[in-house]
Protein backbone atom coordinates (compact mmCIF):
# COMPACT_ATOMS: atom_id res chain seq x y z
CA MET A 1 -0.10 0.01 -0.12
CA VAL A 2 1.08 3.42 -0.64
CA THR A 3 1.67 5.85 2.44
CA GLU A 4 3.20 8.51 0.70
CA ILE A 5 2.16 10.86 -1.97
CA ARG A 6 5.08 12.13 -4.11
CA SER A 7 3.50 11.69 -7.68
CA ALA A 8 0.44 11.46 -9.70
CA LYS A 9 0.36 7.51 -9.89
CA ASP A 10 0.92 7.61 -6.05
CA MET A 11 -2.30 9.34 -5.37
CA GLU A 12 -4.37 7.32 -7.99
CA ALA A 13 -3.07 4.08 -6.01
CA LEU A 14 -4.09 5.46 -2.63
CA VAL A 15 -7.43 6.26 -4.09
CA LEU A 16 -8.04 3.25 -5.14
CA GLU A 17 -6.85 1.33 -2.15
CA TYR A 18 -9.45 3.21 -0.16
CA GLY A 19 -11.96 3.81 -2.58
CA PHE A 20 -13.19 7.12 -0.97
CA LEU A 21 -10.33 9.59 -0.17
CA PRO A 22 -11.14 13.23 0.67
CA PHE A 23 -8.30 15.71 -0.46
CA PHE A 24 -7.82 17.93 3.00
CA LYS A 25 -7.52 16.77 6.33
CA ASN A 26 -10.85 15.97 8.13
CA ASP A 27 -12.09 14.78 11.56
CA ILE A 28 -11.43 11.12 10.37
CA PRO A 29 -7.47 10.75 11.40
CA GLY A 30 -5.24 9.75 8.51
CA PHE A 31 -7.93 9.93 5.97
CA SER A 32 -6.96 12.64 3.41
CA ILE A 33 -4.26 13.18 0.86
CA GLU A 34 -3.32 16.08 2.87
CA GLU A 35 -1.96 13.82 5.44
CA HIS A 36 -0.22 11.38 2.97
CA THR A 37 1.72 13.95 1.24
CA PRO A 38 5.03 14.77 2.52
CA PRO A 39 4.82 18.40 3.90
CA GLU A 40 7.63 19.89 1.63
CA LEU A 41 5.63 18.39 -1.63
CA TRP A 42 2.24 19.66 0.26
CA TYR A 43 3.49 23.30 -0.16
CA ASP A 44 6.89 24.42 -1.73
CA SER A 45 7.32 27.77 -0.16
CA GLU A 46 10.24 28.41 -2.39
CA SER A 47 8.57 27.84 -5.76
CA GLY A 48 5.10 28.15 -4.58
CA ASP A 49 4.18 24.75 -6.10
CA TRP A 50 1.36 22.93 -4.88
CA ALA A 51 2.41 19.70 -6.12
CA PRO A 52 -0.79 17.66 -5.18
CA TRP A 53 -2.56 20.36 -7.05
CA ASP A 54 -0.92 19.60 -10.36
CA TRP A 55 -1.52 16.27 -9.91
CA LYS A 56 -5.09 16.01 -9.41
CA GLY A 57 -6.02 16.40 -13.19
CA PRO A 58 -4.07 13.51 -14.28
CA VAL A 59 -5.47 11.56 -11.57
CA ALA A 60 -8.95 12.37 -12.95
CA ARG A 61 -7.90 11.65 -16.87
CA MET A 62 -6.58 8.24 -15.48
CA GLY A 63 -10.20 6.90 -15.70
CA THR A 64 -10.06 5.12 -12.84
CA CYS A 65 -11.76 7.31 -10.24
CA VAL A 66 -14.31 10.43 -9.84
CA TYR A 67 -13.04 13.76 -8.48
CA GLY A 68 -15.02 16.80 -7.40
CA LYS A 69 -16.66 18.59 -4.60
CA LEU A 70 -17.98 15.02 -2.95
CA PHE A 71 -17.65 15.17 0.56
CA TRP A 72 -18.94 17.97 3.01
CA LYS A 73 -18.99 19.99 -0.19
CA LYS A 74 -14.91 19.61 -0.47
CA ALA A 75 -12.63 17.80 -2.52
CA GLY A 76 -12.09 14.64 -2.98
CA PHE A 77 -12.28 11.55 -4.99
CA VAL A 78 -14.26 7.75 -5.25
CA SER A 79 -12.82 5.18 -7.09
CA MET A 80 -14.88 3.55 -9.91
CA GLU A 81 -15.35 0.50 -7.97
CA TRP A 82 -17.41 2.47 -5.68
CA PHE A 83 -19.04 5.60 -7.53
CA PRO A 84 -22.22 3.77 -8.70
CA ASP A 85 -23.19 2.84 -5.50
CA PHE A 86 -22.05 6.37 -4.06
CA ALA A 87 -24.07 7.97 -7.31
CA ASN A 88 -27.10 5.30 -6.42
CA TRP A 89 -27.13 6.54 -3.07
CA ARG A 90 -26.30 10.33 -3.77
CA ARG A 91 -29.06 10.26 -6.39
CA ASP A 92 -31.38 8.35 -4.62
CA GLY A 93 -32.06 6.55 -7.49
CA TYR A 94 -33.09 9.73 -10.08
CA ASP A 95 -31.12 10.60 -13.22
CA PHE A 96 -30.89 14.12 -13.38
CA ASP A 97 -33.87 14.40 -15.75
CA ALA A 98 -36.09 12.55 -13.71
CA ARG A 99 -34.96 14.51 -10.24
CA TYR A 100 -36.28 17.40 -12.33
CA ASP A 101 -39.38 16.14 -13.65
CA ASP A 102 -40.20 15.67 -10.04
CA GLU A 103 -39.42 18.89 -9.05
CA LEU A 104 -36.63 17.88 -6.65
CA ALA A 105 -34.17 20.33 -8.78
CA SER A 106 -34.25 23.67 -9.32
CA TYR A 107 -34.21 25.61 -12.85
CA LYS A 108 -30.80 26.78 -12.18
CA ASP A 109 -29.52 23.33 -11.60
CA LYS A 110 -31.27 22.00 -14.50
CA GLU A 111 -29.61 24.79 -16.98
CA LEU A 112 -26.41 24.25 -15.74
CA TYR A 113 -26.60 20.56 -16.01
CA ASP A 114 -27.92 20.71 -19.48
CA ALA A 115 -25.38 22.88 -20.69
CA VAL A 116 -22.93 20.60 -19.43
CA ALA A 117 -24.30 17.61 -20.95
CA GLN A 118 -24.93 19.01 -24.08
CA HIS A 119 -21.65 20.74 -24.60
CA GLY A 120 -20.00 17.38 -23.04
CA SER A 121 -17.55 19.30 -21.18
CA LEU A 122 -17.25 22.88 -20.16
CA GLN A 123 -14.99 24.95 -17.76
CA THR A 124 -16.07 27.37 -15.48
CA GLY A 125 -15.26 30.69 -17.35
CA GLN A 126 -17.37 29.17 -20.54
CA LEU A 127 -20.30 27.99 -17.93
CA LYS A 128 -20.16 31.70 -16.08
CA LYS A 129 -20.47 33.24 -19.71
CA LEU A 130 -23.06 30.97 -21.35
CA LEU A 131 -25.33 31.38 -18.53
CA GLY A 132 -24.75 34.66 -17.36
CA TYR A 133 -23.50 34.43 -14.00
CA GLY A 134 -20.84 36.74 -12.63
CA GLY A 135 -20.76 40.88 -13.20
CA ARG A 136 -22.90 43.38 -11.37
CA ASP A 137 -25.90 42.41 -13.62
CA GLY A 138 -25.31 38.95 -13.70
CA LYS A 139 -26.77 35.52 -11.96
CA LYS A 140 -25.85 34.95 -8.83
CA GLY A 141 -25.04 31.48 -6.59
CA TYR A 142 -22.68 29.84 -9.50
CA GLU A 143 -20.93 27.92 -6.70
CA THR A 144 -24.10 26.80 -4.80
CA VAL A 145 -25.23 24.69 -7.79
CA ILE A 146 -22.01 23.88 -9.42
CA THR A 147 -20.82 22.56 -5.99
CA ARG A 148 -24.80 20.65 -5.49
CA LEU A 149 -24.52 18.70 -8.69
CA GLN A 150 -20.94 17.39 -7.73
CA MET A 151 -22.65 16.92 -4.38
CA GLN A 152 -25.38 15.15 -6.41
CA THR A 153 -22.58 13.12 -8.39
CA TYR A 154 -24.59 14.82 -11.43
CA LEU A 155 -21.59 16.70 -12.40
CA THR A 156 -17.81 16.09 -12.13
CA VAL A 157 -14.24 17.53 -12.82
CA ALA A 158 -13.23 16.13 -15.92
CA ASP A 159 -9.50 18.14 -15.88
CA PHE A 160 -8.30 21.55 -14.94
CA ASP A 161 -7.58 24.06 -17.99
CA TYR A 162 -4.11 26.08 -17.65
CA ALA A 163 -2.85 29.47 -19.03
CA THR A 164 0.16 29.10 -20.84
CA ASP A 165 3.30 31.79 -21.65
CA ARG A 166 4.58 32.50 -24.89
CA HIS A 167 6.53 29.40 -24.62
CA GLY A 168 3.45 27.03 -24.36
CA VAL A 169 4.18 26.43 -20.74
CA PRO A 170 1.40 25.98 -18.32
CA TYR A 171 1.15 28.36 -15.23
CA GLY A 172 -1.13 29.47 -12.38
CA TRP A 173 -4.13 27.91 -10.71
CA GLY A 174 -5.62 25.13 -13.05
CA ILE A 175 -9.41 26.01 -14.01
CA ALA A 176 -12.10 22.94 -13.44
CA ARG A 177 -13.64 21.63 -16.46
CA TYR A 178 -16.77 19.66 -15.82
CA SER A 179 -18.48 16.99 -17.32
CA THR A 180 -21.06 14.07 -16.09
CA PRO A 181 -19.84 11.08 -15.08
CA GLU A 182 -21.57 9.19 -17.87
CA ALA A 183 -19.69 11.41 -20.76
CA LEU A 184 -16.54 10.49 -19.08
CA PHE A 185 -16.91 6.48 -18.19
CA GLY A 186 -20.32 5.62 -19.50
CA TYR A 187 -23.78 5.08 -18.82
CA ASP A 188 -23.89 1.59 -17.91
CA ALA A 189 -20.53 2.11 -15.93
CA VAL A 190 -22.06 4.94 -13.76
CA THR A 191 -25.41 3.11 -12.97
CA ALA A 192 -24.38 -0.41 -12.26
CA ALA A 193 -25.48 0.04 -9.02
CA TYR A 194 -29.26 1.30 -10.18
CA SER A 195 -30.67 -2.35 -9.58
CA ARG A 196 -30.20 -1.99 -5.84
CA ARG A 197 -32.35 0.35 -3.49
CA PRO A 198 -30.11 3.82 -2.89
CA GLU A 199 -30.37 2.44 0.87
CA ASP A 200 -28.76 -1.01 -0.02
CA SER A 201 -25.98 0.91 -1.61
CA ARG A 202 -25.57 3.06 1.58
CA GLN A 203 -25.54 0.15 3.57
CA ARG A 204 -22.72 -1.58 1.53
CA MET A 205 -20.53 1.54 1.33
CA LEU A 206 -21.08 2.08 5.33
CA ALA A 207 -20.02 -1.70 5.80
CA TYR A 208 -16.93 -1.34 3.81
CA LEU A 209 -15.73 1.62 5.36
CA GLN A 210 -16.33 0.62 9.05
CA LYS A 211 -13.67 -2.43 8.06
CA ARG A 212 -11.77 -0.14 6.14
CA LEU A 213 -11.65 2.67 8.98
CA PRO A 214 -11.67 1.55 12.12
CA GLN A 215 -10.50 4.51 13.63
CA ALA A 216 -13.58 6.34 12.49
CA THR A 217 -17.12 6.33 14.34
CA GLU A 218 -20.41 5.70 12.48
CA LYS A 219 -21.52 9.14 12.70
CA GLN A 220 -18.54 10.28 10.83
CA LEU A 221 -19.21 7.98 8.28
CA VAL A 222 -22.35 8.60 7.53
CA ARG A 223 -21.68 12.51 7.23
CA LEU A 224 -19.03 11.24 4.98
CA LEU A 225 -21.77 9.32 2.67
CA ASP A 226 -24.45 11.74 3.09
CA ILE A 227 -24.75 15.39 1.48
């Protein structure tokens, strides 16, 4: 088992080992990318680099796990081994259109979800411009909507786009590019647990995590899995 993250491949391996892995330190000891990253790599004060932030895009592209704001409205990964159950529970058995038809999603949620689904993928700036968010007279609440759709597993971060200098070298913070999990992994893979009741998916994940994380209380694990 990987105990220290020193590369994107290490990060992917640890996500696959745990199945679920928040990015930041949280109330479950030892259960984060942050805690498994050597301090000198988490932030290099001389160069200003944050190595794990540069690796999250490559890991998202590997096709083995899903990345986004998945736990407590904060960033983390779920392996594709467990994502079908995770999505089944978080979606409560609903595809997005069915959720909207049953008046369980707002129009703001629908227009943002539809924009991403129709284009295949869109980055934050493109989404805001397309839907009229930002500026003095623009729509408000973009972060609330995009976070909710990630927490419900309808959208995920496909990659990060970077600005480049005149030599073509990327720099600065990556800009999230969003897609639907179905577009990235295929509808059948994402919905593989739909044959189960959502509560059964929840119980499967809870039982697994109780064995995998004996240091965690049941209350902590429920908070991890629930929205």
